[in-house]
Amino acid sequence: TYAMGWFRQVSGKEREFVAAISRNSAITNYEDSVKGRFTISR
């Protein structure tokens, strides 16, 4: 019942979005710099 996301953080910087996936895996969302390289799944 929860969407899931991955974020990353470098020391001294804000936490940034990497990828997210909807509850039923139908929709995924990626930060531009990781598109085509990273894949989120559940």
PDB file of all heavy atoms in Angstrom:
ATOM      1  N   THR A   1       0.821  -1.211   0.000  1.00  0.00           N
ATOM      2  CA  THR A   1       0.000   0.000   0.000  1.00  0.00           C
ATOM      3  C   THR A   1       0.857   1.265   0.000  1.00  0.00           C
ATOM      4  O   THR A   1       0.332   2.371   0.127  1.00  0.00           O
ATOM      5  CB  THR A   1      -0.948   0.039   1.206  1.00  0.00           C
ATOM      6  OG1 THR A   1      -0.171   0.089   2.417  1.00  0.00           O
ATOM      7  CG2 THR A   1      -1.859  -1.177   1.232  1.00  0.00           C
ATOM      8  N   TYR A   2       2.156   1.103  -0.147  1.00  0.00           N
ATOM      9  CA  TYR A   2       3.076   2.230  -0.158  1.00  0.00           C
ATOM     10  C   TYR A   2       3.837   2.286  -1.483  1.00  0.00           C
ATOM     11  O   TYR A   2       4.334   1.250  -1.956  1.00  0.00           O
ATOM     12  CB  TYR A   2       4.097   2.123   0.969  1.00  0.00           C
ATOM     13  CG  TYR A   2       3.567   2.483   2.327  1.00  0.00           C
ATOM     14  CD1 TYR A   2       2.622   1.687   2.973  1.00  0.00           C
ATOM     15  CD2 TYR A   2       4.019   3.629   2.982  1.00  0.00           C
ATOM     16  CE1 TYR A   2       2.141   2.023   4.225  1.00  0.00           C
ATOM     17  CE2 TYR A   2       3.548   3.974   4.235  1.00  0.00           C
ATOM     18  CZ  TYR A   2       2.606   3.169   4.853  1.00  0.00           C
ATOM     19  OH  TYR A   2       2.131   3.502   6.092  1.00  0.00           O
ATOM     20  N   ALA A   3       3.955   3.491  -2.038  1.00  0.00           N
ATOM     21  CA  ALA A   3       4.945   3.705  -3.083  1.00  0.00           C
ATOM     22  C   ALA A   3       6.325   3.659  -2.426  1.00  0.00           C
ATOM     23  O   ALA A   3       6.460   3.929  -1.229  1.00  0.00           O
ATOM     24  CB  ALA A   3       4.721   5.047  -3.753  1.00  0.00           C
ATOM     25  N   MET A   4       7.329   3.328  -3.217  1.00  0.00           N
ATOM     26  CA  MET A   4       8.685   3.221  -2.675  1.00  0.00           C
ATOM     27  C   MET A   4       9.639   4.091  -3.494  1.00  0.00           C
ATOM     28  O   MET A   4       9.489   4.228  -4.712  1.00  0.00           O
ATOM     29  CB  MET A   4       9.156   1.782  -2.702  1.00  0.00           C
ATOM     30  CG  MET A   4       8.356   0.839  -1.815  1.00  0.00           C
ATOM     31  SD  MET A   4       8.424   1.268  -0.059  1.00  0.00           S
ATOM     32  CE  MET A   4      10.171   1.030   0.279  1.00  0.00           C
ATOM     33  N   GLY A   5      10.615   4.631  -2.801  1.00  0.00           N
ATOM     34  CA  GLY A   5      11.586   5.477  -3.488  1.00  0.00           C
ATOM     35  C   GLY A   5      12.999   5.201  -3.025  1.00  0.00           C
ATOM     36  O   GLY A   5      13.222   4.617  -1.958  1.00  0.00           O
ATOM     37  N   TRP A   6      13.940   5.591  -3.872  1.00  0.00           N
ATOM     38  CA  TRP A   6      15.358   5.593  -3.527  1.00  0.00           C
ATOM     39  C   TRP A   6      15.851   7.040  -3.611  1.00  0.00           C
ATOM     40  O   TRP A   6      15.534   7.758  -4.569  1.00  0.00           O
ATOM     41  CB  TRP A   6      16.167   4.720  -4.481  1.00  0.00           C
ATOM     42  CG  TRP A   6      16.013   3.255  -4.260  1.00  0.00           C
ATOM     43  CD1 TRP A   6      15.168   2.410  -4.917  1.00  0.00           C
ATOM     44  CD2 TRP A   6      16.737   2.449  -3.324  1.00  0.00           C
ATOM     45  NE1 TRP A   6      15.308   1.137  -4.446  1.00  0.00           N
ATOM     46  CE2 TRP A   6      16.265   1.125  -3.461  1.00  0.00           C
ATOM     47  CE3 TRP A   6      17.732   2.701  -2.382  1.00  0.00           C
ATOM     48  CZ2 TRP A   6      16.760   0.069  -2.699  1.00  0.00           C
ATOM     49  CZ3 TRP A   6      18.216   1.657  -1.617  1.00  0.00           C
ATOM     50  CH2 TRP A   6      17.733   0.353  -1.780  1.00  0.00           C
ATOM     51  N   PHE A   7      16.615   7.412  -2.614  1.00  0.00           N
ATOM     52  CA  PHE A   7      17.236   8.726  -2.562  1.00  0.00           C
ATOM     53  C   PHE A   7      18.715   8.537  -2.282  1.00  0.00           C
ATOM     54  O   PHE A   7      19.141   7.455  -1.856  1.00  0.00           O
ATOM     55  CB  PHE A   7      16.599   9.574  -1.448  1.00  0.00           C
ATOM     56  CG  PHE A   7      15.154   9.903  -1.695  1.00  0.00           C
ATOM     57  CD1 PHE A   7      14.161   8.967  -1.462  1.00  0.00           C
ATOM     58  CD2 PHE A   7      14.792  11.145  -2.184  1.00  0.00           C
ATOM     59  CE1 PHE A   7      12.818   9.263  -1.706  1.00  0.00           C
ATOM     60  CE2 PHE A   7      13.462  11.458  -2.426  1.00  0.00           C
ATOM     61  CZ  PHE A   7      12.482  10.515  -2.192  1.00  0.00           C
ATOM     62  N   ARG A   8      19.484   9.583  -2.506  1.00  0.00           N
ATOM     63  CA  ARG A   8      20.908   9.519  -2.167  1.00  0.00           C
ATOM     64  C   ARG A   8      21.356  10.847  -1.595  1.00  0.00           C
ATOM     65  O   ARG A   8      20.757  11.897  -1.865  1.00  0.00           O
ATOM     66  CB  ARG A   8      21.743   9.134  -3.382  1.00  0.00           C
ATOM     67  CG  ARG A   8      21.716  10.121  -4.531  1.00  0.00           C
ATOM     68  CD  ARG A   8      22.426   9.533  -5.740  1.00  0.00           C
ATOM     69  NE  ARG A   8      22.395  10.436  -6.879  1.00  0.00           N
ATOM     70  CZ  ARG A   8      22.823  10.109  -8.096  1.00  0.00           C
ATOM     71  NH1 ARG A   8      23.305   8.892  -8.350  1.00  0.00           N
ATOM     72  NH2 ARG A   8      22.784  11.006  -9.077  1.00  0.00           N
ATOM     73  N   GLN A   9      22.429  10.763  -0.826  1.00  0.00           N
ATOM     74  CA  GLN A   9      22.933  11.961  -0.173  1.00  0.00           C
ATOM     75  C   GLN A   9      24.443  11.920  -0.057  1.00  0.00           C
ATOM     76  O   GLN A   9      25.013  10.915   0.372  1.00  0.00           O
ATOM     77  CB  GLN A   9      22.305  12.111   1.215  1.00  0.00           C
ATOM     78  CG  GLN A   9      22.603  13.429   1.889  1.00  0.00           C
ATOM     79  CD  GLN A   9      21.754  13.634   3.129  1.00  0.00           C
ATOM     80  OE1 GLN A   9      21.254  12.692   3.736  1.00  0.00           O
ATOM     81  NE2 GLN A   9      21.574  14.899   3.519  1.00  0.00           N
ATOM     82  N   VAL A  10      25.053  13.014  -0.442  1.00  0.00           N
ATOM     83  CA  VAL A  10      26.475  13.230  -0.262  1.00  0.00           C
ATOM     84  C   VAL A  10      26.642  14.131   0.949  1.00  0.00           C
ATOM     85  O   VAL A  10      25.870  15.067   1.150  1.00  0.00           O
ATOM     86  CB  VAL A  10      27.092  13.860  -1.524  1.00  0.00           C
ATOM     87  CG1 VAL A  10      28.553  14.202  -1.287  1.00  0.00           C
ATOM     88  CG2 VAL A  10      26.928  12.940  -2.711  1.00  0.00           C
ATOM     89  N   SER A  11      27.653  13.848   1.737  1.00  0.00           N
ATOM     90  CA  SER A  11      27.882  14.626   2.953  1.00  0.00           C
ATOM     91  C   SER A  11      27.921  16.117   2.655  1.00  0.00           C
ATOM     92  O   SER A  11      28.627  16.559   1.735  1.00  0.00           O
ATOM     93  CB  SER A  11      29.195  14.183   3.597  1.00  0.00           C
ATOM     94  OG  SER A  11      29.424  14.919   4.774  1.00  0.00           O
ATOM     95  N   GLY A  12      27.141  16.887   3.392  1.00  0.00           N
ATOM     96  CA  GLY A  12      27.109  18.326   3.208  1.00  0.00           C
ATOM     97  C   GLY A  12      26.121  18.810   2.173  1.00  0.00           C
ATOM     98  O   GLY A  12      25.971  20.018   1.982  1.00  0.00           O
ATOM     99  N   LYS A  13      25.446  17.866   1.516  1.00  0.00           N
ATOM    100  CA  LYS A  13      24.456  18.242   0.503  1.00  0.00           C
ATOM    101  C   LYS A  13      23.087  17.696   0.886  1.00  0.00           C
ATOM    102  O   LYS A  13      22.966  16.830   1.731  1.00  0.00           O
ATOM    103  CB  LYS A  13      24.877  17.705  -0.866  1.00  0.00           C
ATOM    104  CG  LYS A  13      26.149  18.313  -1.399  1.00  0.00           C
ATOM    105  CD  LYS A  13      26.386  17.902  -2.845  1.00  0.00           C
ATOM    106  CE  LYS A  13      27.607  18.584  -3.415  1.00  0.00           C
ATOM    107  NZ  LYS A  13      27.833  18.213  -4.845  1.00  0.00           N
ATOM    108  N   GLU A  14      22.069  18.238   0.231  1.00  0.00           N
ATOM    109  CA  GLU A  14      20.709  17.775   0.503  1.00  0.00           C
ATOM    110  C   GLU A  14      20.486  16.384  -0.082  1.00  0.00           C
ATOM    111  O   GLU A  14      21.111  16.004  -1.073  1.00  0.00           O
ATOM    112  CB  GLU A  14      19.699  18.762  -0.099  1.00  0.00           C
ATOM    113  CG  GLU A  14      19.661  20.102   0.629  1.00  0.00           C
ATOM    114  CD  GLU A  14      18.507  20.961   0.153  1.00  0.00           C
ATOM    115  OE1 GLU A  14      17.820  20.557  -0.805  1.00  0.00           O
ATOM    116  OE2 GLU A  14      18.308  22.039   0.734  1.00  0.00           O
ATOM    117  N   ARG A  15      19.555  15.683   0.532  1.00  0.00           N
ATOM    118  CA  ARG A  15      19.170  14.380   0.008  1.00  0.00           C
ATOM    119  C   ARG A  15      18.453  14.580  -1.317  1.00  0.00           C
ATOM    120  O   ARG A  15      17.569  15.431  -1.428  1.00  0.00           O
ATOM    121  CB  ARG A  15      18.265  13.677   1.015  1.00  0.00           C
ATOM    122  CG  ARG A  15      18.024  12.230   0.762  1.00  0.00           C
ATOM    123  CD  ARG A  15      17.427  11.552   1.963  1.00  0.00           C
ATOM    124  NE  ARG A  15      18.324  11.594   3.114  1.00  0.00           N
ATOM    125  CZ  ARG A  15      18.105  10.927   4.248  1.00  0.00           C
ATOM    126  NH1 ARG A  15      17.022  10.188   4.377  1.00  0.00           N
ATOM    127  NH2 ARG A  15      18.956  11.013   5.245  1.00  0.00           N
ATOM    128  N   GLU A  16      18.816  13.793  -2.327  1.00  0.00           N
ATOM    129  CA  GLU A  16      18.213  13.970  -3.641  1.00  0.00           C
ATOM    130  C   GLU A  16      17.497  12.704  -4.102  1.00  0.00           C
ATOM    131  O   GLU A  16      17.891  11.585  -3.790  1.00  0.00           O
ATOM    132  CB  GLU A  16      19.262  14.387  -4.682  1.00  0.00           C
ATOM    133  CG  GLU A  16      20.241  13.333  -5.093  1.00  0.00           C
ATOM    134  CD  GLU A  16      21.048  13.725  -6.341  1.00  0.00           C
ATOM    135  OE1 GLU A  16      20.764  14.757  -6.982  1.00  0.00           O
ATOM    136  OE2 GLU A  16      21.962  12.955  -6.681  1.00  0.00           O
ATOM    137  N   PHE A  17      16.461  12.959  -4.869  1.00  0.00           N
ATOM    138  CA  PHE A  17      15.649  11.884  -5.442  1.00  0.00           C
ATOM    139  C   PHE A  17      16.440  11.107  -6.482  1.00  0.00           C
ATOM    140  O   PHE A  17      17.171  11.697  -7.279  1.00  0.00           O
ATOM    141  CB  PHE A  17      14.404  12.494  -6.081  1.00  0.00           C
ATOM    142  CG  PHE A  17      13.582  11.534  -6.880  1.00  0.00           C
ATOM    143  CD1 PHE A  17      12.724  10.647  -6.265  1.00  0.00           C
ATOM    144  CD2 PHE A  17      13.665  11.527  -8.264  1.00  0.00           C
ATOM    145  CE1 PHE A  17      11.956   9.768  -7.009  1.00  0.00           C
ATOM    146  CE2 PHE A  17      12.909  10.657  -9.022  1.00  0.00           C
ATOM    147  CZ  PHE A  17      12.050   9.773  -8.389  1.00  0.00           C
ATOM    148  N   VAL A  18      16.280   9.787  -6.482  1.00  0.00           N
ATOM    149  CA  VAL A  18      16.902   8.939  -7.492  1.00  0.00           C
ATOM    150  C   VAL A  18      15.833   8.249  -8.345  1.00  0.00           C
ATOM    151  O   VAL A  18      15.841   8.349  -9.568  1.00  0.00           O
ATOM    152  CB  VAL A  18      17.823   7.884  -6.855  1.00  0.00           C
ATOM    153  CG1 VAL A  18      18.371   6.938  -7.915  1.00  0.00           C
ATOM    154  CG2 VAL A  18      18.947   8.544  -6.078  1.00  0.00           C
ATOM    155  N   ALA A  19      14.923   7.551  -7.680  1.00  0.00           N
ATOM    156  CA  ALA A  19      13.910   6.797  -8.414  1.00  0.00           C
ATOM    157  C   ALA A  19      12.748   6.479  -7.485  1.00  0.00           C
ATOM    158  O   ALA A  19      12.920   6.437  -6.258  1.00  0.00           O
ATOM    159  CB  ALA A  19      14.492   5.507  -8.978  1.00  0.00           C
ATOM    160  N   ALA A  20      11.577   6.245  -8.075  1.00  0.00           N
ATOM    161  CA  ALA A  20      10.410   5.843  -7.299  1.00  0.00           C
ATOM    162  C   ALA A  20       9.571   4.887  -8.123  1.00  0.00           C
ATOM    163  O   ALA A  20       9.625   4.900  -9.363  1.00  0.00           O
ATOM    164  CB  ALA A  20       9.578   7.053  -6.881  1.00  0.00           C
ATOM    165  N   ILE A  21       8.795   4.079  -7.421  1.00  0.00           N
ATOM    166  CA  ILE A  21       7.931   3.100  -8.080  1.00  0.00           C
ATOM    167  C   ILE A  21       6.594   3.078  -7.373  1.00  0.00           C
ATOM    168  O   ILE A  21       6.515   3.159  -6.141  1.00  0.00           O
ATOM    169  CB  ILE A  21       8.608   1.705  -8.087  1.00  0.00           C
ATOM    170  CG1 ILE A  21       7.809   0.703  -8.925  1.00  0.00           C
ATOM    171  CG2 ILE A  21       8.839   1.184  -6.666  1.00  0.00           C
ATOM    172  CD1 ILE A  21       8.604  -0.576  -9.220  1.00  0.00           C
ATOM    173  N   SER A  22       5.530   3.001  -8.151  1.00  0.00           N
ATOM    174  CA  SER A  22       4.191   3.006  -7.578  1.00  0.00           C
ATOM    175  C   SER A  22       3.901   1.684  -6.873  1.00  0.00           C
ATOM    176  O   SER A  22       4.637   0.700  -6.999  1.00  0.00           O
ATOM    177  CB  SER A  22       3.163   3.256  -8.676  1.00  0.00           C
ATOM    178  OG  SER A  22       3.188   2.219  -9.631  1.00  0.00           O
ATOM    179  N   ARG A  23       2.791   1.687  -6.143  1.00  0.00           N
ATOM    180  CA  ARG A  23       2.431   0.514  -5.341  1.00  0.00           C
ATOM    181  C   ARG A  23       2.374  -0.765  -6.157  1.00  0.00           C
ATOM    182  O   ARG A  23       2.758  -1.829  -5.690  1.00  0.00           O
ATOM    183  CB  ARG A  23       1.043   0.721  -4.734  1.00  0.00           C
ATOM    184  CG  ARG A  23       0.890   1.843  -3.788  1.00  0.00           C
ATOM    185  CD  ARG A  23      -0.537   1.824  -3.297  1.00  0.00           C
ATOM    186  NE  ARG A  23      -1.023   3.110  -2.898  1.00  0.00           N
ATOM    187  CZ  ARG A  23      -2.296   3.366  -2.626  1.00  0.00           C
ATOM    188  NH1 ARG A  23      -3.195   2.408  -2.740  1.00  0.00           N
ATOM    189  NH2 ARG A  23      -2.665   4.547  -2.254  1.00  0.00           N
ATOM    190  N   ASN A  24       1.830  -0.630  -7.378  1.00  0.00           N
ATOM    191  CA  ASN A  24       1.596  -1.819  -8.194  1.00  0.00           C
ATOM    192  C   ASN A  24       2.648  -1.994  -9.291  1.00  0.00           C
ATOM    193  O   ASN A  24       2.454  -2.785 -10.205  1.00  0.00           O
ATOM    194  CB  ASN A  24       0.202  -1.745  -8.825  1.00  0.00           C
ATOM    195  CG  ASN A  24       0.035  -0.514  -9.699  1.00  0.00           C
ATOM    196  OD1 ASN A  24       0.962   0.264  -9.859  1.00  0.00           O
ATOM    197  ND2 ASN A  24      -1.141  -0.343 -10.278  1.00  0.00           N
ATOM    198  N   SER A  25       3.737  -1.246  -9.192  1.00  0.00           N
ATOM    199  CA  SER A  25       4.857  -1.287 -10.145  1.00  0.00           C
ATOM    200  C   SER A  25       4.509  -0.745 -11.528  1.00  0.00           C
ATOM    201  O   SER A  25       5.346  -0.801 -12.430  1.00  0.00           O
ATOM    202  CB  SER A  25       5.398  -2.726 -10.313  1.00  0.00           C
ATOM    203  OG  SER A  25       5.833  -3.251  -9.090  1.00  0.00           O
ATOM    204  N   ALA A  26       3.314  -0.219 -11.707  1.00  0.00           N
ATOM    205  CA  ALA A  26       2.907   0.243 -13.036  1.00  0.00           C
ATOM    206  C   ALA A  26       3.665   1.489 -13.481  1.00  0.00           C
ATOM    207  O   ALA A  26       3.877   1.692 -14.677  1.00  0.00           O
ATOM    208  CB  ALA A  26       1.408   0.515 -13.036  1.00  0.00           C
ATOM    209  N   ILE A  27       4.035   2.322 -12.530  1.00  0.00           N
ATOM    210  CA  ILE A  27       4.679   3.595 -12.857  1.00  0.00           C
ATOM    211  C   ILE A  27       6.036   3.678 -12.158  1.00  0.00           C
ATOM    212  O   ILE A  27       6.147   3.343 -10.977  1.00  0.00           O
ATOM    213  CB  ILE A  27       3.816   4.785 -12.397  1.00  0.00           C
ATOM    214  CG1 ILE A  27       2.413   4.706 -13.001  1.00  0.00           C
ATOM    215  CG2 ILE A  27       4.491   6.102 -12.755  1.00  0.00           C
ATOM    216  CD1 ILE A  27       2.388   4.823 -14.510  1.00  0.00           C
ATOM    217  N   THR A  28       7.044   4.110 -12.905  1.00  0.00           N
ATOM    218  CA  THR A  28       8.353   4.411 -12.326  1.00  0.00           C
ATOM    219  C   THR A  28       8.753   5.825 -12.716  1.00  0.00           C
ATOM    220  O   THR A  28       8.279   6.377 -13.705  1.00  0.00           O
ATOM    221  CB  THR A  28       9.425   3.419 -12.805  1.00  0.00           C
ATOM    222  OG1 THR A  28       9.472   3.427 -14.234  1.00  0.00           O
ATOM    223  CG2 THR A  28       9.132   2.013 -12.309  1.00  0.00           C
ATOM    224  N   ASN A  29       9.636   6.380 -11.914  1.00  0.00           N
ATOM    225  CA  ASN A  29      10.037   7.772 -12.079  1.00  0.00           C
ATOM    226  C   ASN A  29      11.520   7.858 -11.739  1.00  0.00           C
ATOM    227  O   ASN A  29      11.953   7.291 -10.731  1.00  0.00           O
ATOM    228  CB  ASN A  29       9.208   8.626 -11.116  1.00  0.00           C
ATOM    229  CG  ASN A  29       9.292  10.106 -11.376  1.00  0.00           C
ATOM    230  OD1 ASN A  29      10.024  10.555 -12.242  1.00  0.00           O
ATOM    231  ND2 ASN A  29       8.517  10.874 -10.629  1.00  0.00           N
ATOM    232  N   TYR A  30      12.293   8.537 -12.591  1.00  0.00           N
ATOM    233  CA  TYR A  30      13.740   8.584 -12.391  1.00  0.00           C
ATOM    234  C   TYR A  30      14.255  10.012 -12.465  1.00  0.00           C
ATOM    235  O   TYR A  30      13.761  10.829 -13.249  1.00  0.00           O
ATOM    236  CB  TYR A  30      14.465   7.760 -13.461  1.00  0.00           C
ATOM    237  CG  TYR A  30      14.175   6.288 -13.402  1.00  0.00           C
ATOM    238  CD1 TYR A  30      13.169   5.726 -14.176  1.00  0.00           C
ATOM    239  CD2 TYR A  30      14.913   5.451 -12.565  1.00  0.00           C
ATOM    240  CE1 TYR A  30      12.889   4.371 -14.121  1.00  0.00           C
ATOM    241  CE2 TYR A  30      14.647   4.094 -12.505  1.00  0.00           C
ATOM    242  CZ  TYR A  30      13.636   3.569 -13.277  1.00  0.00           C
ATOM    243  OH  TYR A  30      13.372   2.217 -13.213  1.00  0.00           O
ATOM    244  N   GLU A  31      15.278  10.250 -11.700  1.00  0.00           N
ATOM    245  CA  GLU A  31      16.018  11.495 -11.837  1.00  0.00           C
ATOM    246  C   GLU A  31      16.771  11.432 -13.167  1.00  0.00           C
ATOM    247  O   GLU A  31      17.225  10.358 -13.593  1.00  0.00           O
ATOM    248  CB  GLU A  31      16.970  11.627 -10.652  1.00  0.00           C
ATOM    249  CG  GLU A  31      17.607  12.992 -10.480  1.00  0.00           C
ATOM    250  CD  GLU A  31      18.912  13.136 -11.224  1.00  0.00           C
ATOM    251  OE1 GLU A  31      19.614  12.129 -11.380  1.00  0.00           O
ATOM    252  OE2 GLU A  31      19.224  14.262 -11.664  1.00  0.00           O
ATOM    253  N   ASP A  32      16.889  12.573 -13.833  1.00  0.00           N
ATOM    254  CA  ASP A  32      17.403  12.578 -15.206  1.00  0.00           C
ATOM    255  C   ASP A  32      18.783  11.935 -15.332  1.00  0.00           C
ATOM    256  O   ASP A  32      19.060  11.234 -16.314  1.00  0.00           O
ATOM    257  CB  ASP A  32      17.464  14.010 -15.731  1.00  0.00           C
ATOM    258  CG  ASP A  32      16.093  14.543 -16.116  1.00  0.00           C
ATOM    259  OD1 ASP A  32      15.130  13.744 -16.180  1.00  0.00           O
ATOM    260  OD2 ASP A  32      15.973  15.762 -16.325  1.00  0.00           O
ATOM    261  N   SER A  33      19.667  12.151 -14.371  1.00  0.00           N
ATOM    262  CA  SER A  33      21.044  11.674 -14.516  1.00  0.00           C
ATOM    263  C   SER A  33      21.171  10.159 -14.412  1.00  0.00           C
ATOM    264  O   SER A  33      22.208   9.606 -14.773  1.00  0.00           O
ATOM    265  CB  SER A  33      21.944  12.332 -13.476  1.00  0.00           C
ATOM    266  OG  SER A  33      21.646  11.851 -12.177  1.00  0.00           O
ATOM    267  N   VAL A  34      20.125   9.478 -13.949  1.00  0.00           N
ATOM    268  CA  VAL A  34      20.201   8.018 -13.819  1.00  0.00           C
ATOM    269  C   VAL A  34      19.327   7.291 -14.830  1.00  0.00           C
ATOM    270  O   VAL A  34      19.379   6.059 -14.915  1.00  0.00           O
ATOM    271  CB  VAL A  34      19.834   7.555 -12.385  1.00  0.00           C
ATOM    272  CG1 VAL A  34      20.653   8.304 -11.350  1.00  0.00           C
ATOM    273  CG2 VAL A  34      18.349   7.671 -12.109  1.00  0.00           C
ATOM    274  N   LYS A  35      18.542   8.040 -15.590  1.00  0.00           N
ATOM    275  CA  LYS A  35      17.674   7.408 -16.596  1.00  0.00           C
ATOM    276  C   LYS A  35      18.503   6.597 -17.573  1.00  0.00           C
ATOM    277  O   LYS A  35      19.528   7.060 -18.074  1.00  0.00           O
ATOM    278  CB  LYS A  35      16.879   8.467 -17.353  1.00  0.00           C
ATOM    279  CG  LYS A  35      15.676   8.990 -16.614  1.00  0.00           C
ATOM    280  CD  LYS A  35      14.939  10.020 -17.445  1.00  0.00           C
ATOM    281  CE  LYS A  35      13.772  10.602 -16.689  1.00  0.00           C
ATOM    282  NZ  LYS A  35      13.086  11.671 -17.449  1.00  0.00           N
ATOM    283  N   GLY A  36      18.055   5.382 -17.857  1.00  0.00           N
ATOM    284  CA  GLY A  36      18.767   4.502 -18.774  1.00  0.00           C
ATOM    285  C   GLY A  36      19.885   3.715 -18.127  1.00  0.00           C
ATOM    286  O   GLY A  36      20.426   2.792 -18.734  1.00  0.00           O
ATOM    287  N   ARG A  37      20.271   4.071 -16.897  1.00  0.00           N
ATOM    288  CA  ARG A  37      21.328   3.341 -16.187  1.00  0.00           C
ATOM    289  C   ARG A  37      20.782   2.605 -14.963  1.00  0.00           C
ATOM    290  O   ARG A  37      21.251   1.520 -14.641  1.00  0.00           O
ATOM    291  CB  ARG A  37      22.418   4.314 -15.733  1.00  0.00           C
ATOM    292  CG  ARG A  37      23.107   5.039 -16.861  1.00  0.00           C
ATOM    293  CD  ARG A  37      24.327   5.806 -16.376  1.00  0.00           C
ATOM    294  NE  ARG A  37      23.977   6.843 -15.400  1.00  0.00           N
ATOM    295  CZ  ARG A  37      24.497   6.898 -14.161  1.00  0.00           C
ATOM    296  NH1 ARG A  37      25.348   5.987 -13.759  1.00  0.00           N
ATOM    297  NH2 ARG A  37      24.145   7.873 -13.349  1.00  0.00           N
ATOM    298  N   PHE A  38      19.823   3.198 -14.272  1.00  0.00           N
ATOM    299  CA  PHE A  38      19.264   2.615 -13.050  1.00  0.00           C
ATOM    300  C   PHE A  38      17.851   2.097 -13.330  1.00  0.00           C
ATOM    301  O   PHE A  38      17.111   2.677 -14.119  1.00  0.00           O
ATOM    302  CB  PHE A  38      19.179   3.656 -11.940  1.00  0.00           C
ATOM    303  CG  PHE A  38      20.496   4.108 -11.373  1.00  0.00           C
ATOM    304  CD1 PHE A  38      21.713   3.812 -11.974  1.00  0.00           C
ATOM    305  CD2 PHE A  38      20.523   4.871 -10.216  1.00  0.00           C
ATOM    306  CE1 PHE A  38      22.914   4.229 -11.458  1.00  0.00           C
ATOM    307  CE2 PHE A  38      21.716   5.316  -9.665  1.00  0.00           C
ATOM    308  CZ  PHE A  38      22.907   4.991 -10.299  1.00  0.00           C
ATOM    309  N   THR A  39      17.501   1.022 -12.635  1.00  0.00           N
ATOM    310  CA  THR A  39      16.154   0.467 -12.730  1.00  0.00           C
ATOM    311  C   THR A  39      15.635   0.151 -11.335  1.00  0.00           C
ATOM    312  O   THR A  39      16.279  -0.589 -10.591  1.00  0.00           O
ATOM    313  CB  THR A  39      16.137  -0.807 -13.582  1.00  0.00           C
ATOM    314  OG1 THR A  39      16.650  -0.522 -14.886  1.00  0.00           O
ATOM    315  CG2 THR A  39      14.713  -1.343 -13.712  1.00  0.00           C
ATOM    316  N   ILE A  40      14.479   0.713 -11.015  1.00  0.00           N
ATOM    317  CA  ILE A  40      13.830   0.399  -9.741  1.00  0.00           C
ATOM    318  C   ILE A  40      12.780  -0.672  -9.975  1.00  0.00           C
ATOM    319  O   ILE A  40      12.095  -0.683 -11.007  1.00  0.00           O
ATOM    320  CB  ILE A  40      13.210   1.664  -9.112  1.00  0.00           C
ATOM    321  CG1 ILE A  40      12.708   1.370  -7.701  1.00  0.00           C
ATOM    322  CG2 ILE A  40      12.115   2.258  -9.991  1.00  0.00           C
ATOM    323  CD1 ILE A  40      12.294   2.628  -6.925  1.00  0.00           C
ATOM    324  N   SER A  41      12.671  -1.591  -9.031  1.00  0.00           N
ATOM    325  CA  SER A  41      11.659  -2.637  -9.110  1.00  0.00           C
ATOM    326  C   SER A  41      11.257  -3.026  -7.692  1.00  0.00           C
ATOM    327  O   SER A  41      11.917  -2.641  -6.725  1.00  0.00           O
ATOM    328  CB  SER A  41      12.192  -3.850  -9.880  1.00  0.00           C
ATOM    329  OG  SER A  41      13.302  -4.411  -9.218  1.00  0.00           O
ATOM    330  N   ARG A  42      10.174  -3.773  -7.595  1.00  0.00           N
ATOM    331  CA  ARG A  42       9.713  -4.200  -6.279  1.00  0.00           C
ATOM    332  C   ARG A  42       9.099  -5.582  -6.377  1.00  0.00           C
ATOM    333  O   ARG A  42       8.574  -5.979  -7.429  1.00  0.00           O
ATOM    334  CB  ARG A  42       8.711  -3.212  -5.698  1.00  0.00           C
ATOM    335  CG  ARG A  42       7.409  -3.076  -6.466  1.00  0.00           C
ATOM    336  CD  ARG A  42       6.573  -1.912  -5.941  1.00  0.00           C
ATOM    337  NE  ARG A  42       6.107  -2.156  -4.586  1.00  0.00           N
ATOM    338  CZ  ARG A  42       5.649  -1.193  -3.796  1.00  0.00           C
ATOM    339  NH1 ARG A  42       5.625   0.071  -4.202  1.00  0.00           N
ATOM    340  NH2 ARG A  42       5.211  -1.496  -2.581  1.00  0.00           N
TER     341      ARG A  42
END
